[in-house]
Amino acid sequence: GAAISRSDSHGEYLAIYRDITGRIRSEQELTTERIYFENLFMNSPLAIALVYDDGVIQRVNESFEKMFGYSSWECVGTNLDDLIAPEEARDDAVKLTRDVAAGAILKTERTRLRKDGSRVDVQINAVSFPVAGGQKVVYAIYQDITERKILDEKIRYFGYHDVLTGLYNNAFLEEELRRLDTSRQLPISLIMADVDNLKLINDAFGHMEGDQLIIEAGEILRSCCRQEDLIARCGGDEFIMILPRTSLLEARSICDRIRQACDRASKGMVPPSIALGVAVKDEVTQDFMQVRKKADDDMYLDKLMRSERSRSAIYSRIVDFLGSDPRRRAHISRLKKLADSFGTFIALRQDEIENLDLLAQFHDIGLMPIPTDVLYREGLLELEEWEDIRKHPERGYHLARNLAPISPVAEDILCHHENFDGSGYPRGLSGDDIPIASRIINLLCAYEVMTGCRSYRQALSPEEALKEIASQAGKQFDPRMAGLFIKLHRTMELEGRLI
């Protein structure tokens, strides 16, 4: 720019120029920054409010309107804390605004209110900066963290809770024991609880049934305790109960209630049976771990006393289960008749015939966890389904050896799918390494299946089945047993009897 003056005597002009390039550039840069700031303010996905230092709203952006449900004209001129702070948190909100206006830099998490009264968890970032007239403006940014809070709460919940039962877990238990270990809580009783024969039930009826048993046991323990008592699942089948200000006599009374509740329970295939042990801490100097060990010892003694009763209940349920399906019941009935006839024909001892009869009834108990639709499916099985079925001799073995009435035939159950030539499973045994009862039941079972009616095929005639047995002698079947079985059939034909 130029400042110009005229000289009267010479008629000349004097011009003075000043370079304002820098000023123009600064003004342009300032304009650019304002445009940038305005775009950032208006288009930010975060809710932003510009607030005077007295808390009155100057401006809000579109994200603020969406988050809190207010239009811009409803916000401007209104006190921010009156607008969105819950009543019980109003004083705290006002203090935060004052602190930021005084120069504090804020980063915190709070709950705020929407126009419809619903609450939203937000992270608040706020700073202040001076404006013309000596005032300060607070720049407050709100980010919705509701989903993160929900996730955090879930993580915190599962960090202290057992997923299956919803009870507390060991991590929470350890913290609470430290909190409760004071003289004010004495006497503190501990009850150790252990679900009887869980592995046996998993083997017999599948892990879903085992899980249901654990859930039911947890519900029983919860229902028999007071609100102030602490119950935690501290292992696969173990629970611990901490009872503040509870005498040994009161704790034993709770144990009685638990046992009565178990006797009444009937949700699953097997009613819950829980071994219980009690100990009490009645002196501050006593070590919790020693008290817990004493409760553990008491529980294991109870477990020994109850074990046979619990296993007897499982055995009864297995017998009921085997008889519950008409197809399975018919297969077992025919197989037992075959076993009696063949055992007598080959001159087995009476105890051997009884064991063969037992094997005929229980040889497939390892199949109990397999869904019925898989067992009787007419089409091809999935590879995983077939592999699961092939495990049933081992499952049956582990089950039988733990149940006294079936334990004499546990090894025979394990081997009843072994073939004479070593092509069977699970161990690929051959010849005389396979127990004689297993070789016999393999043969009799095959005959029963071939001559019995199945939904997916017609039954073979006895002659057709005998030809198949003869063709498999020395392969699937013991050749001597196969020959004797064919001989039995011919003998009974001559006598006019059916096998």
Protein backbone atom coordinates (compact mmCIF):
# COMPACT_ATOMS: atom_id res chain seq x y z
CA GLY A 1 0.00 0.00 0.00
CA ALA A 2 1.15 3.60 -0.39
CA ALA A 3 0.69 6.87 1.55
CA ILE A 4 0.69 9.75 -1.02
CA SER A 5 1.23 13.59 -0.57
CA ARG A 6 1.57 16.39 -3.24
CA SER A 7 4.31 19.12 -3.34
CA ASP A 8 2.82 22.66 -4.26
CA SER A 9 6.08 24.21 -5.59
CA HIS A 10 7.12 21.54 -8.04
CA GLY A 11 3.90 19.72 -8.75
CA GLU A 12 5.48 16.41 -7.79
CA TYR A 13 3.94 13.48 -5.97
CA LEU A 14 5.55 11.69 -3.09
CA ALA A 15 4.48 8.04 -2.62
CA ILE A 16 5.36 5.83 0.35
CA TYR A 17 4.81 2.05 0.02
CA ARG A 18 4.45 -0.43 2.88
CA ASP A 19 4.84 -4.20 2.35
CA ILE A 20 1.73 -5.97 3.80
CA THR A 21 2.35 -9.37 2.20
CA GLY A 22 3.01 -10.95 5.60
CA ARG A 23 -0.14 -9.53 7.07
CA ILE A 24 -2.24 -10.77 4.17
CA ARG A 25 -0.60 -14.17 4.42
CA SER A 26 -1.31 -14.28 8.16
CA GLU A 27 -4.92 -13.29 7.58
CA GLN A 28 -5.22 -15.99 4.92
CA GLU A 29 -3.67 -18.56 7.22
CA LEU A 30 -5.96 -17.49 10.02
CA THR A 31 -8.94 -17.77 7.70
CA THR A 32 -7.76 -21.24 6.64
CA GLU A 33 -7.38 -22.28 10.28
CA ARG A 34 -10.86 -20.99 11.07
CA ILE A 35 -12.32 -22.91 8.14
CA TYR A 36 -10.40 -26.02 9.21
CA PHE A 37 -11.56 -25.63 12.80
CA GLU A 38 -15.15 -25.03 11.69
CA ASN A 39 -15.14 -28.14 9.48
CA LEU A 40 -13.56 -30.17 12.26
CA PHE A 41 -16.11 -28.89 14.75
CA MET A 42 -19.15 -29.45 12.57
CA ASN A 43 -18.15 -32.78 10.99
CA SER A 44 -16.48 -34.50 13.93
CA PRO A 45 -17.99 -37.89 14.85
CA LEU A 46 -17.45 -36.86 18.47
CA ALA A 47 -19.99 -34.71 20.31
CA ILE A 48 -18.52 -31.24 20.93
CA ALA A 49 -19.84 -28.30 22.95
CA LEU A 50 -18.30 -24.82 23.24
CA VAL A 51 -19.16 -23.47 26.68
CA TYR A 52 -18.53 -20.12 28.34
CA ASP A 53 -16.70 -20.24 31.65
CA ASP A 54 -20.02 -19.85 33.48
CA GLY A 55 -21.26 -23.12 31.93
CA VAL A 56 -23.59 -21.57 29.33
CA ILE A 57 -23.46 -23.27 25.94
CA GLN A 58 -22.21 -21.15 23.04
CA ARG A 59 -22.37 -23.79 20.29
CA VAL A 60 -22.79 -27.53 19.80
CA ASN A 61 -22.06 -29.66 16.75
CA GLU A 62 -24.30 -32.13 14.94
CA SER A 63 -22.80 -35.14 16.75
CA PHE A 64 -23.72 -33.52 20.08
CA GLU A 65 -27.31 -33.12 18.86
CA LYS A 66 -27.43 -36.79 17.81
CA MET A 67 -25.85 -38.11 21.00
CA PHE A 68 -28.04 -36.20 23.45
CA GLY A 69 -31.20 -35.69 21.38
CA TYR A 70 -31.32 -31.88 21.61
CA SER A 71 -31.41 -29.50 18.67
CA SER A 72 -28.82 -26.73 18.49
CA TRP A 73 -31.36 -24.02 19.35
CA GLU A 74 -32.38 -25.95 22.49
CA CYS A 75 -28.76 -26.05 23.62
CA VAL A 76 -27.43 -22.56 22.93
CA GLY A 77 -27.84 -20.27 25.93
CA THR A 78 -28.59 -23.18 28.26
CA ASN A 79 -26.30 -24.29 31.07
CA LEU A 80 -24.49 -27.44 29.92
CA ASP A 81 -24.55 -29.16 33.30
CA ASP A 82 -28.25 -28.41 33.83
CA LEU A 83 -28.92 -29.89 30.40
CA ILE A 84 -27.10 -33.23 30.43
CA ALA A 85 -25.78 -33.98 33.93
CA PRO A 86 -27.91 -36.38 36.04
CA GLU A 87 -29.34 -34.72 39.13
CA GLU A 88 -27.24 -36.76 41.53
CA ALA A 89 -24.07 -35.83 39.59
CA ARG A 90 -24.88 -32.12 39.04
CA ASP A 91 -22.46 -30.78 41.67
CA ASP A 92 -19.67 -32.94 40.30
CA ALA A 93 -20.37 -31.73 36.75
CA VAL A 94 -20.35 -28.06 37.78
CA LYS A 95 -17.03 -28.54 39.57
CA LEU A 96 -15.50 -30.16 36.47
CA THR A 97 -16.58 -27.20 34.32
CA ARG A 98 -15.11 -24.70 36.81
CA ASP A 99 -11.84 -26.63 37.03
CA VAL A 100 -11.42 -26.64 33.25
CA ALA A 101 -12.31 -22.94 33.00
CA ALA A 102 -9.58 -22.32 35.59
CA GLY A 103 -7.03 -24.04 33.38
CA ALA A 104 -7.27 -27.75 34.19
CA ILE A 105 -7.08 -30.27 31.34
CA LEU A 106 -9.82 -32.83 31.80
CA LYS A 107 -9.99 -36.48 30.75
CA THR A 108 -12.55 -38.51 32.64
CA GLU A 109 -15.47 -40.91 32.32
CA ARG A 110 -18.95 -40.03 33.51
CA THR A 111 -22.61 -40.81 32.88
CA ARG A 112 -24.76 -38.16 31.19
CA LEU A 113 -28.47 -37.84 30.34
CA ARG A 114 -30.12 -37.74 26.94
CA LYS A 115 -33.23 -35.70 26.26
CA ASP A 116 -35.41 -38.82 26.51
CA GLY A 117 -34.07 -39.52 30.02
CA SER A 118 -31.87 -42.44 29.01
CA ARG A 119 -28.30 -42.54 30.25
CA VAL A 120 -25.13 -42.71 28.20
CA ASP A 121 -21.63 -43.49 29.43
CA VAL A 122 -19.17 -40.98 27.97
CA GLN A 123 -15.50 -40.17 27.99
CA ILE A 124 -15.08 -36.40 28.44
CA ASN A 125 -12.04 -34.49 27.20
CA ALA A 126 -12.06 -30.75 27.90
CA VAL A 127 -9.72 -27.76 27.75
CA SER A 128 -10.27 -24.00 27.90
CA PHE A 129 -8.82 -21.16 25.83
CA PRO A 130 -9.13 -17.35 26.05
CA VAL A 131 -11.35 -15.30 23.74
CA ALA A 132 -11.92 -11.57 23.25
CA GLY A 133 -13.11 -9.63 26.27
CA GLY A 134 -11.05 -11.63 28.75
CA GLN A 135 -13.49 -14.53 28.79
CA LYS A 136 -12.58 -18.20 28.46
CA VAL A 137 -14.36 -20.82 26.40
CA VAL A 138 -14.40 -24.47 27.42
CA TYR A 139 -14.01 -26.93 24.56
CA ALA A 140 -15.75 -30.15 25.72
CA ILE A 141 -15.64 -33.39 23.70
CA TYR A 142 -17.91 -36.35 24.49
CA GLN A 143 -17.33 -39.90 23.22
CA ASP A 144 -19.96 -42.62 23.71
CA ILE A 145 -18.26 -45.51 25.56
CA THR A 146 -21.41 -47.50 26.38
CA GLU A 147 -20.37 -50.55 24.34
CA ARG A 148 -16.88 -50.48 25.80
CA LYS A 149 -18.35 -50.22 29.29
CA ILE A 150 -20.59 -53.23 28.61
CA LEU A 151 -17.58 -55.17 27.32
CA ASP A 152 -15.50 -54.09 30.32
CA GLU A 153 -18.29 -55.20 32.63
CA LYS A 154 -18.48 -58.58 30.89
CA ILE A 155 -14.72 -59.00 31.16
CA ARG A 156 -14.85 -58.02 34.82
CA TYR A 157 -17.79 -60.37 35.42
CA PHE A 158 -16.12 -63.36 33.80
CA GLY A 159 -12.88 -62.48 35.55
CA TYR A 160 -14.65 -63.15 38.86
CA HIS A 161 -17.40 -65.61 37.87
CA ASP A 162 -17.57 -69.19 36.69
CA VAL A 163 -19.03 -69.24 33.18
CA LEU A 164 -21.07 -72.43 33.61
CA THR A 165 -22.78 -71.78 36.95
CA GLY A 166 -22.58 -67.99 37.30
CA LEU A 167 -21.08 -68.46 40.78
CA TYR A 168 -17.89 -66.74 41.85
CA ASN A 169 -14.56 -68.28 40.87
CA ASN A 170 -11.22 -68.80 42.60
CA ALA A 171 -9.91 -65.33 41.70
CA PHE A 172 -12.81 -63.63 43.48
CA LEU A 173 -12.63 -66.10 46.35
CA GLU A 174 -9.01 -65.24 47.12
CA GLU A 175 -9.80 -61.51 47.25
CA GLU A 176 -12.87 -62.00 49.44
CA LEU A 177 -11.03 -64.25 51.87
CA ARG A 178 -8.57 -61.43 52.53
CA ARG A 179 -11.45 -59.00 53.06
CA LEU A 180 -13.38 -61.34 55.36
CA ASP A 181 -10.39 -62.37 57.46
CA THR A 182 -11.19 -60.04 60.36
CA SER A 183 -12.35 -60.55 63.93
CA ARG A 184 -15.71 -58.93 63.12
CA GLN A 185 -16.60 -61.85 60.83
CA LEU A 186 -15.80 -64.62 63.35
CA PRO A 187 -16.75 -67.36 63.55
CA ILE A 188 -16.32 -68.06 59.81
CA SER A 189 -17.44 -71.50 58.65
CA LEU A 190 -16.17 -73.14 55.46
CA ILE A 191 -18.11 -75.80 53.60
CA MET A 192 -16.30 -77.78 50.91
CA ALA A 193 -18.63 -79.43 48.40
CA ASP A 194 -17.75 -82.00 45.74
CA VAL A 195 -20.18 -83.41 43.16
CA ASP A 196 -19.92 -87.19 43.35
CA ASN A 197 -18.86 -89.25 40.32
CA LEU A 198 -18.88 -86.40 37.78
CA LYS A 199 -16.40 -88.17 35.48
CA LEU A 200 -18.50 -91.30 35.63
CA ILE A 201 -21.59 -89.33 34.63
CA ASN A 202 -19.69 -87.62 31.80
CA ASP A 203 -18.61 -91.05 30.52
CA ALA A 204 -22.06 -92.55 30.86
CA PHE A 205 -24.35 -89.79 29.66
CA GLY A 206 -22.08 -87.22 28.00
CA HIS A 207 -20.62 -83.88 29.03
CA MET A 208 -23.90 -82.02 28.50
CA GLU A 209 -25.45 -84.15 31.24
CA GLY A 210 -22.37 -83.56 33.40
CA ASP A 211 -22.64 -79.81 32.85
CA GLN A 212 -26.32 -79.90 33.76
CA LEU A 213 -25.42 -81.70 36.97
CA ILE A 214 -22.86 -79.01 37.88
CA ILE A 215 -25.41 -76.25 37.15
CA GLU A 216 -28.03 -77.99 39.28
CA ALA A 217 -25.55 -78.49 42.12
CA GLY A 218 -24.70 -74.77 41.99
CA GLU A 219 -28.39 -73.85 42.14
CA ILE A 220 -28.90 -76.10 45.16
CA LEU A 221 -25.96 -74.59 47.04
CA ARG A 222 -27.18 -71.07 46.26
CA SER A 223 -30.73 -71.85 47.38
CA CYS A 224 -29.57 -73.26 50.72
CA CYS A 225 -27.37 -70.30 51.68
CA ARG A 226 -28.00 -66.78 52.88
CA GLN A 227 -27.46 -63.67 50.79
CA GLU A 228 -24.32 -62.69 52.71
CA ASP A 229 -22.69 -66.11 52.22
CA LEU A 230 -20.06 -66.53 49.52
CA ILE A 231 -20.24 -69.50 47.11
CA ALA A 232 -17.53 -70.18 44.54
CA ARG A 233 -16.79 -72.96 42.07
CA CYS A 234 -13.13 -73.71 42.63
CA GLY A 235 -12.63 -76.71 40.35
CA GLY A 236 -14.34 -79.03 37.89
CA ASP A 237 -16.56 -80.67 40.49
CA GLU A 238 -15.65 -78.68 43.61
CA PHE A 239 -17.35 -75.75 45.32
CA ILE A 240 -16.45 -73.78 48.45
CA MET A 241 -18.85 -71.84 50.65
CA ILE A 242 -17.70 -69.12 53.05
CA LEU A 243 -20.20 -68.37 55.82
CA PRO A 244 -19.36 -65.26 57.90
CA ARG A 245 -20.53 -65.13 61.51
CA THR A 246 -21.68 -68.75 61.33
CA SER A 247 -21.04 -71.41 63.97
CA LEU A 248 -20.13 -75.01 63.20
CA LEU A 249 -23.60 -76.13 64.28
CA GLU A 250 -25.27 -73.66 61.89
CA ALA A 251 -22.97 -74.76 59.05
CA ARG A 252 -23.87 -78.42 59.62
CA SER A 253 -27.55 -77.43 59.50
CA ILE A 254 -26.93 -75.85 56.07
CA CYS A 255 -25.27 -79.11 54.96
CA ASP A 256 -28.41 -81.00 56.00
CA ARG A 257 -30.53 -78.63 53.90
CA ILE A 258 -28.24 -79.21 50.91
CA ARG A 259 -28.56 -83.01 51.22
CA GLN A 260 -32.35 -82.77 51.47
CA ALA A 261 -32.44 -80.53 48.37
CA CYS A 262 -30.31 -83.09 46.47
CA ASP A 263 -32.76 -85.86 47.39
CA ARG A 264 -35.64 -83.78 46.01
CA ALA A 265 -33.86 -82.75 42.79
CA SER A 266 -34.84 -84.44 39.53
CA LYS A 267 -33.81 -82.23 36.59
CA GLY A 268 -31.17 -84.45 35.02
CA MET A 269 -30.85 -88.15 34.28
CA VAL A 270 -28.91 -88.60 37.53
CA PRO A 271 -29.92 -86.70 40.69
CA PRO A 272 -27.07 -84.68 42.19
CA SER A 273 -25.10 -86.23 45.01
CA ILE A 274 -22.78 -83.82 46.83
CA ALA A 275 -20.13 -84.74 49.38
CA LEU A 276 -19.81 -82.04 52.06
CA GLY A 277 -17.15 -81.15 54.59
CA VAL A 278 -17.23 -78.44 57.27
CA ALA A 279 -14.66 -76.58 59.34
CA VAL A 280 -14.76 -73.33 61.30
CA LYS A 281 -12.32 -70.49 61.96
CA ASP A 282 -13.12 -69.06 65.37
CA GLU A 283 -9.77 -67.46 66.23
CA VAL A 284 -8.07 -64.58 64.41
CA THR A 285 -4.74 -66.41 64.58
CA GLN A 286 -6.05 -69.46 62.71
CA ASP A 287 -4.81 -69.85 59.14
CA PHE A 288 -7.55 -70.03 56.51
CA MET A 289 -5.60 -72.64 54.52
CA GLN A 290 -5.51 -74.95 57.54
CA VAL A 291 -9.24 -74.47 58.07
CA ARG A 292 -9.83 -75.24 54.40
CA LYS A 293 -7.70 -78.40 54.62
CA LYS A 294 -9.75 -79.55 57.60
CA ALA A 295 -12.98 -78.98 55.63
CA ASP A 296 -11.42 -80.87 52.70
CA ASP A 297 -10.58 -83.85 54.90
CA ASP A 298 -14.11 -83.84 56.30
CA MET A 299 -15.51 -83.76 52.76
CA TYR A 300 -13.44 -86.72 51.54
CA LEU A 301 -14.60 -88.76 54.51
CA ASP A 302 -18.19 -87.94 53.58
CA LYS A 303 -17.42 -88.84 49.96
CA LEU A 304 -16.18 -92.30 50.94
CA MET A 305 -19.33 -92.92 52.95
CA ARG A 306 -21.64 -91.76 50.13
CA SER A 307 -19.76 -93.15 47.11
CA GLU A 308 -21.45 -96.54 46.90
CA ARG A 309 -24.92 -95.03 47.22
CA SER A 310 -24.17 -92.53 44.45
CA ARG A 311 -22.79 -95.19 42.11
CA SER A 312 -25.77 -97.40 42.79
CA ALA A 313 -28.03 -94.54 41.66
CA ILE A 314 -25.98 -94.14 38.47
CA TYR A 315 -26.19 -97.89 37.78
CA SER A 316 -29.98 -97.80 38.20
CA ARG A 317 -30.26 -94.89 35.77
CA ILE A 318 -28.09 -96.75 33.23
CA VAL A 319 -30.38 -99.80 33.43
CA ASP A 320 -33.40 -97.52 32.96
CA PHE A 321 -31.70 -95.80 30.02
CA LEU A 322 -30.90 -99.08 28.25
CA GLY A 323 -34.52 -100.15 28.55
CA SER A 324 -36.01 -96.81 27.51
CA ASP A 325 -35.60 -97.25 23.74
CA PRO A 326 -37.66 -100.09 22.12
CA ARG A 327 -34.99 -100.80 19.48
CA ARG A 328 -32.21 -101.03 22.04
CA ARG A 329 -34.40 -103.08 24.36
CA ALA A 330 -35.23 -105.57 21.59
CA HIS A 331 -31.56 -105.89 20.58
CA ILE A 332 -30.49 -106.61 24.17
CA SER A 333 -33.31 -109.11 24.70
CA ARG A 334 -32.43 -111.16 21.60
CA LEU A 335 -28.72 -110.95 22.34
CA LYS A 336 -29.19 -112.28 25.88
CA LYS A 337 -31.16 -115.25 24.55
CA LEU A 338 -28.40 -115.96 22.03
CA ALA A 339 -25.80 -115.69 24.79
CA ASP A 340 -27.67 -118.12 27.06
CA SER A 341 -28.14 -120.66 24.26
CA PHE A 342 -24.60 -120.45 22.92
CA GLY A 343 -22.96 -120.37 26.37
CA THR A 344 -24.84 -123.52 27.36
CA PHE A 345 -24.03 -125.21 24.02
CA ILE A 346 -20.25 -124.69 24.35
CA ALA A 347 -20.38 -125.79 28.00
CA LEU A 348 -19.36 -122.54 29.68
CA ARG A 349 -19.46 -122.53 33.48
CA GLN A 350 -22.52 -120.95 35.07
CA ASP A 351 -20.56 -117.88 36.20
CA GLU A 352 -19.19 -117.47 32.64
CA ILE A 353 -22.72 -117.66 31.22
CA GLU A 354 -23.87 -115.05 33.73
CA ASN A 355 -21.01 -112.75 32.71
CA LEU A 356 -21.82 -113.32 29.03
CA ASP A 357 -25.42 -112.38 29.81
CA LEU A 358 -24.13 -109.26 31.61
CA LEU A 359 -21.97 -108.40 28.61
CA ALA A 360 -24.95 -108.83 26.27
CA GLN A 361 -26.85 -106.25 28.31
CA PHE A 362 -24.08 -103.70 28.88
CA HIS A 363 -21.61 -104.10 25.98
CA ASP A 364 -22.75 -100.84 24.35
CA ILE A 365 -23.08 -98.60 27.43
CA GLY A 366 -20.33 -96.43 25.93
CA LEU A 367 -22.84 -95.39 23.25
CA MET A 368 -25.15 -93.68 25.74
CA PRO A 369 -23.75 -90.15 25.17
CA ILE A 370 -24.24 -90.51 21.39
CA PRO A 371 -27.45 -88.79 20.17
CA THR A 372 -30.16 -91.21 19.01
CA ASP A 373 -30.41 -89.56 15.59
CA VAL A 374 -26.72 -90.34 15.01
CA LEU A 375 -26.99 -93.96 16.18
CA TYR A 376 -29.96 -94.74 13.95
CA ARG A 377 -29.16 -92.53 10.97
CA GLU A 378 -29.73 -94.27 7.65
CA GLY A 379 -27.25 -92.16 5.68
CA LEU A 380 -23.50 -91.78 6.06
CA LEU A 381 -22.11 -90.38 9.28
CA GLU A 382 -19.81 -87.39 9.49
CA LEU A 383 -16.18 -88.29 10.20
CA GLU A 384 -16.34 -86.74 13.70
CA GLU A 385 -19.53 -88.68 14.48
CA TRP A 386 -17.95 -91.96 13.38
CA GLU A 387 -14.81 -91.27 15.41
CA ASP A 388 -16.97 -90.56 18.46
CA ILE A 389 -18.81 -93.86 18.01
CA ARG A 390 -15.51 -95.74 17.75
CA LYS A 391 -14.61 -94.47 21.22
CA HIS A 392 -17.56 -96.23 22.85
CA PRO A 393 -15.66 -99.40 23.92
CA GLU A 394 -13.21 -97.25 25.91
CA ARG A 395 -15.99 -95.13 27.40
CA GLY A 396 -17.88 -98.27 28.34
CA TYR A 397 -14.77 -99.78 29.92
CA HIS A 398 -14.11 -96.75 32.15
CA LEU A 399 -17.75 -96.71 33.15
CA ALA A 400 -18.01 -100.44 33.88
CA ARG A 401 -14.87 -100.71 35.98
CA ASN A 402 -16.29 -98.03 38.35
CA LEU A 403 -19.66 -99.74 38.80
CA ALA A 404 -19.50 -102.91 40.89
CA PRO A 405 -22.38 -104.80 39.18
CA ILE A 406 -20.72 -104.42 35.74
CA SER A 407 -17.05 -104.40 36.67
CA PRO A 408 -16.55 -108.18 36.00
CA VAL A 409 -17.07 -107.53 32.27
CA ALA A 410 -15.22 -104.19 31.96
CA GLU A 411 -12.33 -105.73 29.96
CA ASP A 412 -14.79 -107.63 27.74
CA ILE A 413 -16.64 -104.37 26.99
CA LEU A 414 -13.34 -102.75 26.00
CA CYS A 415 -12.57 -105.56 23.53
CA HIS A 416 -15.97 -106.39 22.03
CA HIS A 417 -15.11 -104.65 18.72
CA GLU A 418 -11.71 -106.32 18.34
CA ASN A 419 -11.57 -108.62 15.30
CA PHE A 420 -9.82 -111.99 15.20
CA ASP A 421 -7.41 -110.86 12.45
CA GLY A 422 -6.43 -107.67 14.30
CA SER A 423 -8.48 -105.29 12.14
CA GLY A 424 -10.79 -104.18 14.96
CA TYR A 425 -10.62 -101.40 17.53
CA PRO A 426 -9.69 -99.78 19.88
CA ARG A 427 -6.37 -101.64 20.38
CA GLY A 428 -6.12 -103.82 17.27
CA LEU A 429 -5.87 -107.07 19.28
CA SER A 430 -5.95 -110.39 17.46
CA GLY A 431 -6.51 -114.09 18.12
CA ASP A 432 -6.39 -115.33 21.69
CA ASP A 433 -5.29 -111.90 22.95
CA ILE A 434 -8.97 -110.98 22.69
CA PRO A 435 -10.97 -112.18 25.74
CA ILE A 436 -13.17 -115.15 24.86
CA ALA A 437 -16.35 -113.37 26.00
CA SER A 438 -15.55 -110.45 23.67
CA ARG A 439 -15.04 -112.83 20.73
CA ILE A 440 -18.36 -114.50 21.46
CA ILE A 441 -20.37 -111.28 21.86
CA ASN A 442 -18.84 -109.88 18.64
CA LEU A 443 -20.16 -112.92 16.78
CA LEU A 444 -23.58 -113.01 18.46
CA CYS A 445 -24.08 -109.27 18.07
CA ALA A 446 -23.32 -109.47 14.34
CA TYR A 447 -25.84 -112.31 13.90
CA GLU A 448 -28.52 -110.42 15.82
CA VAL A 449 -27.99 -107.26 13.77
CA MET A 450 -28.04 -109.17 10.47
CA THR A 451 -31.23 -111.10 11.27
CA GLY A 452 -33.03 -108.29 13.07
CA CYS A 453 -35.26 -105.76 11.31
CA ARG A 454 -33.68 -102.36 10.69
CA SER A 455 -35.32 -99.25 9.23
CA TYR A 456 -32.59 -98.94 6.60
CA ARG A 457 -32.61 -102.57 5.31
CA GLN A 458 -34.46 -105.86 5.30
CA ALA A 459 -33.43 -108.52 7.79
CA LEU A 460 -31.32 -111.38 6.42
CA SER A 461 -32.58 -114.91 6.76
CA PRO A 462 -30.73 -117.12 9.27
CA GLU A 463 -29.10 -119.00 6.37
CA GLU A 464 -27.86 -115.78 4.78
CA ALA A 465 -26.50 -114.60 8.11
CA LEU A 466 -24.71 -117.93 8.70
CA LYS A 467 -23.08 -117.72 5.27
CA GLU A 468 -21.81 -114.23 6.14
CA ILE A 469 -20.45 -115.52 9.45
CA ALA A 470 -18.71 -118.41 7.67
CA SER A 471 -17.13 -115.98 5.19
CA GLN A 472 -15.79 -113.86 8.06
CA ALA A 473 -14.41 -116.78 10.10
CA GLY A 474 -10.74 -116.08 10.80
CA LYS A 475 -11.25 -112.43 9.84
CA GLN A 476 -13.83 -110.67 12.00
CA PHE A 477 -14.77 -113.79 13.96
CA ASP A 478 -12.91 -116.46 15.90
CA PRO A 479 -13.09 -119.41 13.44
CA ARG A 480 -13.69 -121.92 16.23
CA MET A 481 -16.54 -119.87 17.73
CA ALA A 482 -18.00 -119.28 14.26
CA GLY A 483 -17.97 -123.03 13.57
CA LEU A 484 -19.59 -123.81 16.91
CA PHE A 485 -22.29 -121.20 16.37
CA ILE A 486 -23.15 -122.64 12.95
CA LYS A 487 -23.21 -126.11 14.54
CA LEU A 488 -25.58 -124.84 17.27
CA HIS A 489 -27.89 -123.48 14.60
CA ARG A 490 -27.92 -126.80 12.69
CA THR A 491 -28.55 -128.74 15.91
CA MET A 492 -31.50 -126.56 16.87
CA GLU A 493 -32.90 -126.85 13.33
CA LEU A 494 -32.86 -130.64 13.63
CA GLU A 495 -34.64 -130.35 16.97
CA GLY A 496 -37.23 -128.04 15.44
CA ARG A 497 -36.20 -125.10 17.61
CA LEU A 498 -35.35 -121.55 16.60
CA ILE A 499 -32.26 -119.76 17.79
